[in-house]
Amino acid sequence: MRSILIGLFFVVFAGFSLSVKLDLRRPTETTKVRTGDAAPDFSLGTLQGNPIELHRTATENKLVLVNFWATWCGPCRLEMPVFEKIYLERKKEGFEILAISVKEDPKVVKDYLDKKPVSFPVLLDPEGTVAEQYGIRAFPTTFLVDSDSQVENVIEGLDRFLKYQIEARLEAASSSEEATEP
């Protein structure tokens, strides 16, 4: 009888664990902008004051990663070196990153980037207007945007498979580009 109860316990526990795991893998999509939507256009300045527009950047590239972050956000700070590595590996393939610092003092952002520099554009959203337009509720939140300014994926938090998603989307964009050439 005891071994039946122990076996039953493990079966119930395994079922519960599986259901929790599946729930955690399901995207929440709590943002206003979702996969398949047109990415709202914006124009934000860099620390140097240079304006960058999303739609223009998207049309000039195959894939744009738009990341909403903050210097005080631990997970954001963890993914920045990963973004830098992916960017350096893939920028020649038509990949761009726009990292948007939300509601932070430009001096704080500059001090952070002086210590941990990146080569992709870091934009400032001092009032959080663009973050509000996108419905950002958590940091980091990342959008993959194609050359037609369509959102291909929304990621809240860290995603250890993001590099592979980027590689697959760049390869698909290159394949479709080659197929349309005469």
Protein backbone atom coordinates (compact mmCIF):
# COMPACT_ATOMS: atom_id res chain seq x y z
CA MET A 1 0.00 0.00 0.00
CA ARG A 2 2.82 2.37 0.88
CA SER A 3 4.53 1.93 -2.52
CA ILE A 4 1.21 2.59 -4.29
CA LEU A 5 0.83 5.88 -2.41
CA ILE A 6 4.41 6.87 -3.17
CA GLY A 7 3.92 6.01 -6.85
CA LEU A 8 0.65 7.97 -6.94
CA PHE A 9 2.38 10.94 -5.31
CA PHE A 10 5.11 10.95 -7.99
CA VAL A 11 2.54 10.72 -10.79
CA VAL A 12 0.56 13.66 -9.39
CA PHE A 13 3.74 15.64 -8.76
CA ALA A 14 5.01 14.98 -12.30
CA GLY A 15 1.67 16.10 -13.77
CA PHE A 16 1.70 19.26 -11.66
CA SER A 17 5.32 20.02 -12.63
CA LEU A 18 4.55 19.55 -16.31
CA SER A 19 1.55 21.89 -16.15
CA VAL A 20 3.59 24.60 -14.37
CA LYS A 21 6.41 24.23 -16.89
CA LEU A 22 4.01 24.59 -19.82
CA ASP A 23 2.38 27.66 -18.24
CA LEU A 24 5.76 29.29 -17.75
CA ARG A 25 6.70 28.72 -21.40
CA ARG A 26 3.47 30.27 -22.71
CA PRO A 27 4.14 33.89 -23.73
CA THR A 28 2.16 36.38 -21.70
CA GLU A 29 2.04 39.12 -24.35
CA THR A 30 1.06 41.73 -21.79
CA THR A 31 2.37 44.52 -24.00
CA LYS A 32 0.05 46.58 -26.22
CA VAL A 33 2.11 45.73 -29.28
CA ARG A 34 1.99 42.02 -30.09
CA THR A 35 3.50 39.57 -32.51
CA GLY A 36 2.11 40.23 -36.00
CA ASP A 37 1.29 43.90 -35.31
CA ALA A 38 2.86 46.81 -37.15
CA ALA A 39 5.53 48.27 -34.89
CA PRO A 40 4.60 51.83 -33.93
CA ASP A 41 7.11 54.24 -35.40
CA PHE A 42 9.14 56.48 -33.15
CA SER A 43 12.03 58.88 -33.32
CA LEU A 44 14.30 59.10 -30.29
CA GLY A 45 17.66 60.71 -29.75
CA THR A 46 20.91 59.04 -28.79
CA LEU A 47 23.09 60.34 -25.95
CA GLN A 48 24.80 62.49 -28.59
CA GLY A 49 21.42 63.89 -29.67
CA ASN A 50 21.23 62.12 -33.02
CA PRO A 51 17.63 61.17 -33.89
CA ILE A 52 16.93 57.58 -34.96
CA GLU A 53 13.61 56.47 -36.45
CA LEU A 54 12.42 52.89 -36.15
CA HIS A 55 10.73 52.58 -39.55
CA ARG A 56 13.73 53.99 -41.39
CA THR A 57 16.06 51.68 -39.47
CA ALA A 58 13.77 48.72 -40.22
CA THR A 59 13.69 49.39 -43.97
CA GLU A 60 17.49 49.64 -44.04
CA ASN A 61 17.92 46.27 -42.27
CA LYS A 62 16.54 42.74 -42.34
CA LEU A 63 15.87 42.59 -38.60
CA VAL A 64 15.82 45.13 -35.79
CA LEU A 65 15.89 44.23 -32.12
CA VAL A 66 14.16 46.95 -30.09
CA ASN A 67 14.96 46.56 -26.41
CA PHE A 68 13.42 48.56 -23.57
CA TRP A 69 15.79 48.60 -20.61
CA ALA A 70 17.06 50.55 -17.61
CA THR A 71 20.46 50.77 -15.89
CA TRP A 72 18.95 49.71 -12.55
CA CYS A 73 17.47 46.52 -14.06
CA GLY A 74 19.62 43.47 -13.24
CA PRO A 75 18.37 41.27 -16.11
CA CYS A 76 18.86 44.19 -18.53
CA ARG A 77 22.46 44.50 -17.43
CA LEU A 78 22.95 40.76 -17.92
CA GLU A 79 21.69 40.77 -21.50
CA MET A 80 23.57 43.86 -22.74
CA PRO A 81 26.90 41.99 -23.22
CA VAL A 82 24.98 39.20 -24.97
CA PHE A 83 23.36 41.77 -27.28
CA GLU A 84 26.77 43.29 -27.99
CA LYS A 85 28.19 39.89 -28.98
CA ILE A 86 25.23 39.08 -31.26
CA TYR A 87 25.36 42.57 -32.77
CA LEU A 88 29.05 42.33 -33.63
CA GLU A 89 28.51 38.88 -35.17
CA ARG A 90 25.40 39.79 -37.20
CA LYS A 91 25.36 43.51 -38.02
CA LYS A 92 26.87 42.94 -41.48
CA GLU A 93 23.91 40.65 -42.26
CA GLY A 94 21.37 43.45 -41.84
CA PHE A 95 20.84 43.21 -38.07
CA GLU A 96 20.41 46.30 -35.91
CA ILE A 97 19.76 46.85 -32.21
CA LEU A 98 17.99 49.88 -30.78
CA ALA A 99 18.30 49.85 -26.99
CA ILE A 100 15.85 52.28 -25.43
CA SER A 101 16.64 53.54 -21.94
CA VAL A 102 13.33 54.41 -20.30
CA LYS A 103 12.80 57.31 -17.86
CA GLU A 104 16.43 57.68 -16.88
CA ASP A 105 18.70 60.65 -16.46
CA PRO A 106 21.00 60.80 -19.51
CA LYS A 107 24.00 61.26 -17.19
CA VAL A 108 23.21 57.96 -15.43
CA VAL A 109 22.94 56.19 -18.80
CA LYS A 110 26.19 57.79 -20.00
CA ASP A 111 28.02 56.78 -16.81
CA TYR A 112 26.77 53.21 -17.18
CA LEU A 113 27.81 53.02 -20.85
CA ASP A 114 31.22 54.53 -20.06
CA LYS A 115 31.84 51.49 -17.83
CA LYS A 116 30.10 48.95 -20.10
CA PRO A 117 30.20 50.32 -23.65
CA VAL A 118 28.15 48.92 -26.52
CA SER A 119 28.52 49.62 -30.23
CA PHE A 120 24.81 49.66 -31.10
CA PRO A 121 22.62 52.77 -30.70
CA VAL A 122 21.29 53.52 -27.22
CA LEU A 123 18.26 55.79 -27.37
CA LEU A 124 16.72 57.91 -24.62
CA ASP A 125 13.02 57.85 -23.77
CA PRO A 126 13.18 60.28 -20.82
CA GLU A 127 9.43 60.65 -20.36
CA GLY A 128 8.64 57.02 -21.19
CA THR A 129 6.38 58.03 -24.09
CA VAL A 130 7.55 55.30 -26.46
CA ALA A 131 7.54 52.71 -23.68
CA GLU A 132 3.94 53.68 -22.96
CA GLN A 133 3.07 53.52 -26.67
CA TYR A 134 4.37 49.93 -26.71
CA GLY A 135 2.72 49.07 -23.38
CA ILE A 136 5.93 48.13 -21.59
CA ARG A 137 5.19 46.68 -18.15
CA ALA A 138 8.43 44.82 -17.43
CA PHE A 139 12.13 45.27 -18.03
CA PRO A 140 13.67 44.08 -20.18
CA THR A 141 11.12 43.80 -23.00
CA THR A 142 12.38 43.08 -26.49
CA PHE A 143 10.69 43.26 -29.89
CA LEU A 144 12.04 41.70 -33.07
CA VAL A 145 10.93 43.86 -36.00
CA ASP A 146 11.34 42.89 -39.67
CA SER A 147 12.17 45.14 -42.62
CA ASP A 148 8.45 45.83 -43.17
CA SER A 149 8.17 47.10 -39.56
CA GLN A 150 6.13 44.06 -38.52
CA VAL A 151 6.67 42.65 -35.03
CA GLU A 152 7.98 39.11 -35.38
CA ASN A 153 8.31 38.38 -31.67
CA VAL A 154 7.80 39.94 -28.25
CA ILE A 155 9.98 38.80 -25.37
CA GLU A 156 9.43 39.90 -21.78
CA GLY A 157 12.41 39.15 -19.59
CA LEU A 158 15.45 37.18 -20.63
CA ASP A 159 15.33 34.57 -23.37
CA ARG A 160 18.31 32.24 -23.63
CA PHE A 161 17.23 31.22 -27.14
CA LEU A 162 17.09 34.76 -28.54
CA LYS A 163 20.37 34.35 -30.42
CA TYR A 164 18.94 31.37 -32.31
CA GLN A 165 15.72 33.24 -33.11
CA ILE A 166 17.77 36.09 -34.55
CA GLU A 167 19.93 33.72 -36.60
CA ALA A 168 16.86 31.89 -37.97
CA ARG A 169 15.07 35.13 -38.90
CA LEU A 170 18.16 36.54 -40.61
CA GLU A 171 18.62 33.32 -42.58
CA ALA A 172 14.93 33.33 -43.58
CA ALA A 173 15.16 36.98 -44.66
CA SER A 174 18.27 36.22 -46.72
CA SER A 175 16.61 33.18 -48.31
CA SER A 176 13.50 35.12 -49.29
CA GLU A 177 15.67 37.95 -50.59
CA GLU A 178 17.64 35.50 -52.76
CA ALA A 179 14.41 33.91 -54.03
CA THR A 180 13.05 37.29 -55.25
CA GLU A 181 16.25 38.30 -57.06
CA PRO A 182 16.14 37.70 -60.84
